[in-house]
């Protein structure tokens, strides 16, 4: 059970999900990330079914579909740094940077040691 995230916070994700949709070790990582970053984390998106992703023009094979990814709301450069630094300190090797969010995931089925941006999309 998440230490820092209430069930309603997962329900506000797009698409709505439940904590139980995520892998327990990933929920624990989100708690550790929040603790290490030292700031509240607002979850924009966590679990996405393959069907949901395909309906939105995606392949349906992302780490979100595995319950191993989260998009965390973030618009200030200072908080972006705190989130990315905390993720790297915790051993996260897959990070995406968007204008208003940071993506973190721990999928081992996808490329490792990568940081990408979403600015072109």
N, C-alpha and C. Protein backbone atom coordinates (compact mmCIF):
# COMPACT_ATOMS: atom_id res chain seq x y z
N UNK A 1 0.85 -1.19 0.00
CA UNK A 1 0.00 0.00 0.00
C UNK A 1 0.88 1.24 0.00
N UNK A 2 0.53 2.20 -0.83
CA UNK A 2 1.31 3.43 -0.97
C UNK A 2 1.33 4.22 0.33
N UNK A 3 2.47 4.78 0.62
CA UNK A 3 2.64 5.61 1.81
C UNK A 3 2.17 7.04 1.54
N UNK A 4 2.51 7.58 0.37
CA UNK A 4 2.24 8.98 0.06
C UNK A 4 1.07 9.21 -0.88
N UNK A 5 0.53 8.16 -1.47
CA UNK A 5 -0.51 8.34 -2.48
C UNK A 5 -1.81 7.71 -2.02
N UNK A 6 -2.88 8.50 -2.06
CA UNK A 6 -4.21 8.01 -1.68
C UNK A 6 -4.87 7.37 -2.91
N UNK A 7 -5.81 6.46 -2.69
CA UNK A 7 -6.50 5.84 -3.83
C UNK A 7 -7.08 6.84 -4.82
N UNK A 8 -7.60 7.94 -4.32
CA UNK A 8 -8.21 8.95 -5.21
C UNK A 8 -7.19 9.54 -6.18
N UNK A 9 -5.91 9.58 -5.78
CA UNK A 9 -4.89 10.14 -6.66
C UNK A 9 -4.69 9.27 -7.90
N UNK A 10 -4.79 7.96 -7.74
CA UNK A 10 -4.71 7.06 -8.90
C UNK A 10 -5.96 7.21 -9.75
N UNK A 11 -7.10 7.43 -9.09
CA UNK A 11 -8.36 7.62 -9.81
C UNK A 11 -8.39 8.87 -10.66
N UNK A 12 -7.57 9.87 -10.31
CA UNK A 12 -7.52 11.12 -11.09
C UNK A 12 -6.56 11.04 -12.26
N UNK A 13 -5.84 9.94 -12.38
CA UNK A 13 -4.93 9.76 -13.51
C UNK A 13 -5.72 9.68 -14.81
N UNK A 14 -5.03 9.90 -15.91
CA UNK A 14 -5.63 9.71 -17.23
C UNK A 14 -4.89 8.58 -17.93
N UNK A 15 -5.56 7.47 -18.17
CA UNK A 15 -6.91 7.13 -17.72
C UNK A 15 -6.91 6.79 -16.23
N UNK A 16 -8.08 6.81 -15.66
CA UNK A 16 -8.23 6.47 -14.25
C UNK A 16 -7.71 5.05 -14.01
N UNK A 17 -7.02 4.88 -12.88
CA UNK A 17 -6.53 3.54 -12.54
C UNK A 17 -6.59 3.35 -11.04
N UNK A 18 -6.14 2.20 -10.59
CA UNK A 18 -6.08 1.89 -9.16
C UNK A 18 -4.64 1.53 -8.82
N UNK A 19 -4.29 1.70 -7.57
CA UNK A 19 -2.95 1.31 -7.12
C UNK A 19 -2.66 -0.14 -7.48
N UNK A 20 -3.66 -0.99 -7.38
CA UNK A 20 -3.48 -2.41 -7.65
C UNK A 20 -3.19 -2.71 -9.12
N UNK A 21 -3.38 -1.72 -10.00
CA UNK A 21 -3.01 -1.90 -11.41
C UNK A 21 -1.50 -1.83 -11.61
N UNK A 22 -0.81 -1.27 -10.63
CA UNK A 22 0.64 -1.11 -10.71
C UNK A 22 1.34 -2.25 -9.98
N UNK A 23 2.55 -2.53 -10.41
CA UNK A 23 3.36 -3.53 -9.71
C UNK A 23 3.70 -2.99 -8.32
N UNK A 24 3.57 -3.80 -7.26
CA UNK A 24 3.84 -3.32 -5.91
C UNK A 24 5.23 -2.69 -5.75
N UNK A 25 6.24 -3.27 -6.38
CA UNK A 25 7.59 -2.71 -6.28
C UNK A 25 7.66 -1.32 -6.91
N UNK A 26 6.85 -1.07 -7.95
CA UNK A 26 6.84 0.25 -8.58
C UNK A 26 6.15 1.26 -7.67
N UNK A 27 5.08 0.86 -7.00
CA UNK A 27 4.42 1.76 -6.04
C UNK A 27 5.41 2.14 -4.94
N UNK A 28 6.16 1.16 -4.47
CA UNK A 28 7.18 1.43 -3.46
C UNK A 28 8.22 2.42 -4.00
N UNK A 29 8.61 2.24 -5.25
CA UNK A 29 9.56 3.17 -5.86
C UNK A 29 8.99 4.58 -5.93
N UNK A 30 7.71 4.72 -6.25
CA UNK A 30 7.09 6.05 -6.28
C UNK A 30 7.14 6.71 -4.91
N UNK A 31 6.89 5.93 -3.86
CA UNK A 31 6.99 6.45 -2.50
C UNK A 31 8.42 6.90 -2.20
N UNK A 32 9.39 6.08 -2.57
CA UNK A 32 10.79 6.44 -2.35
C UNK A 32 11.17 7.68 -3.15
N UNK A 33 10.65 7.77 -4.36
CA UNK A 33 10.92 8.93 -5.21
C UNK A 33 10.38 10.21 -4.57
N UNK A 34 9.17 10.13 -4.07
CA UNK A 34 8.55 11.28 -3.41
C UNK A 34 9.38 11.68 -2.19
N UNK A 35 9.80 10.70 -1.41
CA UNK A 35 10.59 10.97 -0.21
C UNK A 35 11.92 11.62 -0.57
N UNK A 36 12.60 11.05 -1.54
CA UNK A 36 13.92 11.54 -1.92
C UNK A 36 13.84 12.91 -2.59
N UNK A 37 12.83 13.14 -3.42
CA UNK A 37 12.67 14.43 -4.09
C UNK A 37 12.30 15.53 -3.10
N UNK A 38 11.60 15.15 -2.04
CA UNK A 38 11.24 16.11 -1.00
C UNK A 38 10.12 17.06 -1.39
N UNK A 39 9.35 16.67 -2.40
CA UNK A 39 8.21 17.49 -2.84
C UNK A 39 7.01 16.58 -3.08
N UNK A 40 5.81 17.12 -2.98
CA UNK A 40 4.64 16.30 -3.33
C UNK A 40 4.69 15.93 -4.81
N UNK A 41 4.24 14.74 -5.13
CA UNK A 41 4.19 14.30 -6.52
C UNK A 41 2.74 14.11 -6.92
N UNK A 42 2.36 14.72 -8.03
CA UNK A 42 1.01 14.57 -8.57
C UNK A 42 1.12 13.65 -9.78
N UNK A 43 0.37 12.57 -9.75
CA UNK A 43 0.40 11.58 -10.82
C UNK A 43 -0.57 11.98 -11.94
N UNK A 44 -0.04 12.16 -13.14
CA UNK A 44 -0.89 12.45 -14.30
C UNK A 44 -1.41 11.17 -14.93
N UNK A 45 -0.54 10.17 -15.03
CA UNK A 45 -0.90 8.92 -15.69
C UNK A 45 -0.03 7.81 -15.13
N UNK A 46 -0.66 6.67 -14.85
CA UNK A 46 0.10 5.50 -14.38
C UNK A 46 -0.26 4.32 -15.29
N UNK A 47 -1.15 3.45 -14.84
CA UNK A 47 -1.49 2.28 -15.65
C UNK A 47 -2.37 2.70 -16.83
N UNK A 48 -2.04 2.14 -18.00
CA UNK A 48 -2.87 2.28 -19.20
C UNK A 48 -3.01 0.91 -19.81
N UNK A 49 -4.20 0.51 -20.09
CA UNK A 49 -4.39 -0.79 -20.74
C UNK A 49 -3.88 -0.71 -22.17
N UNK A 50 -3.48 -1.84 -22.75
CA UNK A 50 -3.07 -1.84 -24.16
C UNK A 50 -4.18 -1.30 -25.07
N UNK A 51 -5.43 -1.62 -24.74
CA UNK A 51 -6.55 -1.15 -25.55
C UNK A 51 -6.67 0.38 -25.51
N UNK A 52 -6.49 0.95 -24.30
CA UNK A 52 -6.56 2.41 -24.16
C UNK A 52 -5.45 3.05 -24.99
N UNK A 53 -4.25 2.51 -24.88
CA UNK A 53 -3.13 3.08 -25.64
C UNK A 53 -3.39 3.01 -27.14
N UNK A 54 -3.84 1.86 -27.62
CA UNK A 54 -4.09 1.71 -29.05
C UNK A 54 -5.17 2.68 -29.53
N UNK A 55 -6.19 2.90 -28.70
CA UNK A 55 -7.26 3.83 -29.05
C UNK A 55 -6.76 5.27 -29.13
N UNK A 56 -5.59 5.52 -28.53
CA UNK A 56 -5.01 6.86 -28.54
C UNK A 56 -3.76 6.93 -29.43
N UNK A 57 -3.68 6.02 -30.40
CA UNK A 57 -2.62 6.07 -31.40
C UNK A 57 -1.28 5.54 -30.95
N UNK A 58 -1.24 4.81 -29.86
CA UNK A 58 0.01 4.25 -29.38
C UNK A 58 0.05 2.75 -29.69
N UNK A 59 1.20 2.15 -29.48
CA UNK A 59 1.38 0.73 -29.83
C UNK A 59 0.72 -0.22 -28.84
N UNK A 60 0.51 0.23 -27.60
CA UNK A 60 -0.07 -0.67 -26.58
C UNK A 60 0.96 -1.56 -25.92
N UNK A 61 2.23 -1.17 -26.02
CA UNK A 61 3.31 -1.99 -25.46
C UNK A 61 4.20 -1.20 -24.50
N UNK A 62 3.74 -0.06 -24.04
CA UNK A 62 4.57 0.79 -23.18
C UNK A 62 4.69 0.23 -21.77
N UNK A 63 5.60 0.80 -21.02
CA UNK A 63 5.77 0.42 -19.62
C UNK A 63 4.53 0.72 -18.80
N UNK A 64 3.72 1.69 -19.26
CA UNK A 64 2.45 1.97 -18.57
C UNK A 64 1.55 0.73 -18.58
N UNK A 65 1.56 -0.02 -19.68
CA UNK A 65 0.73 -1.21 -19.82
C UNK A 65 1.19 -2.33 -18.89
N UNK A 66 2.41 -2.26 -18.43
CA UNK A 66 2.97 -3.26 -17.52
C UNK A 66 2.81 -2.88 -16.06
N UNK A 67 2.26 -1.70 -15.80
CA UNK A 67 2.14 -1.22 -14.42
C UNK A 67 3.47 -0.80 -13.85
N UNK A 68 4.38 -0.34 -14.73
CA UNK A 68 5.74 0.00 -14.32
C UNK A 68 6.13 1.43 -14.70
N UNK A 69 5.15 2.32 -14.91
CA UNK A 69 5.46 3.67 -15.35
C UNK A 69 4.50 4.68 -14.75
N UNK A 70 5.00 5.90 -14.62
CA UNK A 70 4.16 7.01 -14.16
C UNK A 70 4.62 8.30 -14.83
N UNK A 71 3.66 9.13 -15.16
CA UNK A 71 3.93 10.49 -15.60
C UNK A 71 3.59 11.39 -14.42
N UNK A 72 4.58 12.15 -13.97
CA UNK A 72 4.45 12.97 -12.78
C UNK A 72 4.37 14.44 -13.19
N UNK A 73 3.32 15.12 -12.77
CA UNK A 73 3.14 16.52 -13.12
C UNK A 73 4.33 17.35 -12.64
N UNK A 74 4.81 18.20 -13.52
CA UNK A 74 5.95 19.04 -13.17
C UNK A 74 6.11 20.13 -14.21
N UNK A 75 6.10 21.39 -13.76
CA UNK A 75 6.28 22.47 -14.73
C UNK A 75 7.43 23.40 -14.35
N UNK A 76 7.97 23.27 -13.14
CA UNK A 76 9.09 24.15 -12.79
C UNK A 76 10.42 23.43 -12.99
N UNK A 77 11.43 24.15 -13.47
CA UNK A 77 12.74 23.52 -13.68
C UNK A 77 13.34 22.98 -12.38
N UNK A 78 13.08 23.65 -11.28
CA UNK A 78 13.62 23.20 -9.99
C UNK A 78 13.03 21.85 -9.58
N UNK A 79 11.71 21.73 -9.70
CA UNK A 79 11.08 20.46 -9.34
C UNK A 79 11.42 19.36 -10.34
N UNK A 80 11.56 19.73 -11.62
CA UNK A 80 11.97 18.74 -12.62
C UNK A 80 13.33 18.16 -12.23
N UNK A 81 14.25 19.02 -11.84
CA UNK A 81 15.56 18.56 -11.41
C UNK A 81 15.44 17.63 -10.20
N UNK A 82 14.64 18.01 -9.21
CA UNK A 82 14.48 17.20 -8.00
C UNK A 82 13.95 15.81 -8.35
N UNK A 83 12.97 15.75 -9.25
CA UNK A 83 12.38 14.46 -9.62
C UNK A 83 13.40 13.61 -10.39
N UNK A 84 14.05 14.20 -11.37
CA UNK A 84 15.02 13.45 -12.18
C UNK A 84 16.20 13.00 -11.32
N UNK A 85 16.71 13.87 -10.48
CA UNK A 85 17.84 13.50 -9.62
C UNK A 85 17.44 12.35 -8.69
N UNK A 86 16.28 12.46 -8.07
CA UNK A 86 15.81 11.40 -7.18
C UNK A 86 15.65 10.08 -7.94
N UNK A 87 15.09 10.15 -9.14
CA UNK A 87 14.90 8.94 -9.95
C UNK A 87 16.24 8.29 -10.27
N UNK A 88 17.20 9.10 -10.69
CA UNK A 88 18.53 8.55 -10.99
C UNK A 88 19.18 7.97 -9.75
N UNK A 89 19.07 8.66 -8.63
CA UNK A 89 19.63 8.16 -7.37
C UNK A 89 19.02 6.81 -6.97
N UNK A 90 17.77 6.60 -7.35
CA UNK A 90 17.08 5.35 -7.02
C UNK A 90 17.31 4.25 -8.06
N UNK A 91 18.11 4.56 -9.07
CA UNK A 91 18.44 3.55 -10.07
C UNK A 91 17.49 3.47 -11.25
N UNK A 92 16.60 4.45 -11.41
CA UNK A 92 15.71 4.46 -12.57
C UNK A 92 16.56 4.75 -13.80
N UNK A 93 16.40 3.92 -14.82
CA UNK A 93 17.21 4.08 -16.03
C UNK A 93 16.38 4.44 -17.26
N UNK A 94 15.12 4.79 -17.04
CA UNK A 94 14.24 5.21 -18.14
C UNK A 94 13.46 6.43 -17.69
N UNK A 95 13.80 7.59 -18.28
CA UNK A 95 13.18 8.85 -17.88
C UNK A 95 12.81 9.62 -19.15
N UNK A 96 11.60 10.16 -19.16
CA UNK A 96 11.16 11.03 -20.24
C UNK A 96 10.83 12.40 -19.69
N UNK A 97 11.20 13.44 -20.42
CA UNK A 97 10.98 14.81 -19.98
C UNK A 97 9.97 15.49 -20.90
N UNK A 98 8.87 15.90 -20.33
CA UNK A 98 7.87 16.66 -21.06
C UNK A 98 7.81 18.09 -20.53
N UNK A 99 7.09 18.93 -21.21
CA UNK A 99 6.97 20.33 -20.79
C UNK A 99 6.31 20.44 -19.42
N UNK A 100 5.34 19.57 -19.15
CA UNK A 100 4.59 19.67 -17.89
C UNK A 100 4.62 18.39 -17.05
N UNK A 101 5.53 17.48 -17.39
CA UNK A 101 5.60 16.23 -16.62
C UNK A 101 6.96 15.56 -16.81
N UNK A 102 7.23 14.62 -15.90
CA UNK A 102 8.40 13.75 -16.01
C UNK A 102 7.88 12.32 -16.00
N UNK A 103 8.29 11.54 -16.96
CA UNK A 103 7.94 10.12 -17.05
C UNK A 103 9.06 9.32 -16.40
N UNK A 104 8.69 8.40 -15.52
CA UNK A 104 9.66 7.46 -14.96
C UNK A 104 9.11 6.06 -15.13
N UNK A 105 9.98 5.14 -15.51
CA UNK A 105 9.55 3.74 -15.57
C UNK A 105 10.72 2.81 -15.33
N UNK A 106 10.37 1.60 -14.95
CA UNK A 106 11.40 0.61 -14.60
C UNK A 106 11.23 -0.67 -15.42
N UNK A 107 10.66 -0.56 -16.59
CA UNK A 107 10.50 -1.72 -17.46
C UNK A 107 11.86 -2.25 -17.87
N UNK A 108 12.03 -3.55 -17.82
CA UNK A 108 13.25 -4.20 -18.31
C UNK A 108 13.06 -4.69 -19.74
N UNK A 109 11.82 -4.56 -20.27
CA UNK A 109 11.53 -4.98 -21.64
C UNK A 109 11.86 -3.90 -22.66
N UNK A 110 12.18 -2.71 -22.19
CA UNK A 110 12.45 -1.58 -23.07
C UNK A 110 13.90 -1.14 -22.89
N UNK A 111 14.36 -0.29 -23.81
CA UNK A 111 15.75 0.20 -23.79
C UNK A 111 16.11 0.76 -22.41
N UNK A 112 17.35 0.51 -22.00
CA UNK A 112 17.84 0.94 -20.69
C UNK A 112 18.79 2.12 -20.83
N UNK A 113 19.00 2.81 -19.72
CA UNK A 113 19.93 3.96 -19.67
C UNK A 113 19.59 4.99 -20.74
N UNK A 114 18.32 5.41 -20.71
CA UNK A 114 17.84 6.38 -21.68
C UNK A 114 17.07 7.51 -21.00
N UNK A 115 17.27 8.70 -21.53
CA UNK A 115 16.47 9.86 -21.17
C UNK A 115 16.03 10.49 -22.48
N UNK A 116 14.74 10.70 -22.63
CA UNK A 116 14.22 11.26 -23.86
C UNK A 116 13.32 12.46 -23.52
N UNK A 117 12.93 13.19 -24.55
CA UNK A 117 12.00 14.30 -24.35
C UNK A 117 10.79 14.11 -25.25
N UNK A 118 9.75 14.83 -24.88
CA UNK A 118 8.50 14.81 -25.64
C UNK A 118 8.24 16.14 -26.34
N UNK A 119 9.25 16.96 -26.46
CA UNK A 119 9.05 18.30 -26.99
C UNK A 119 8.70 18.30 -28.47
N UNK A 120 9.11 17.29 -29.21
CA UNK A 120 8.80 17.25 -30.63
C UNK A 120 7.40 16.76 -30.92
N UNK A 121 6.71 16.26 -29.89
CA UNK A 121 5.38 15.70 -30.14
C UNK A 121 4.28 16.56 -29.59
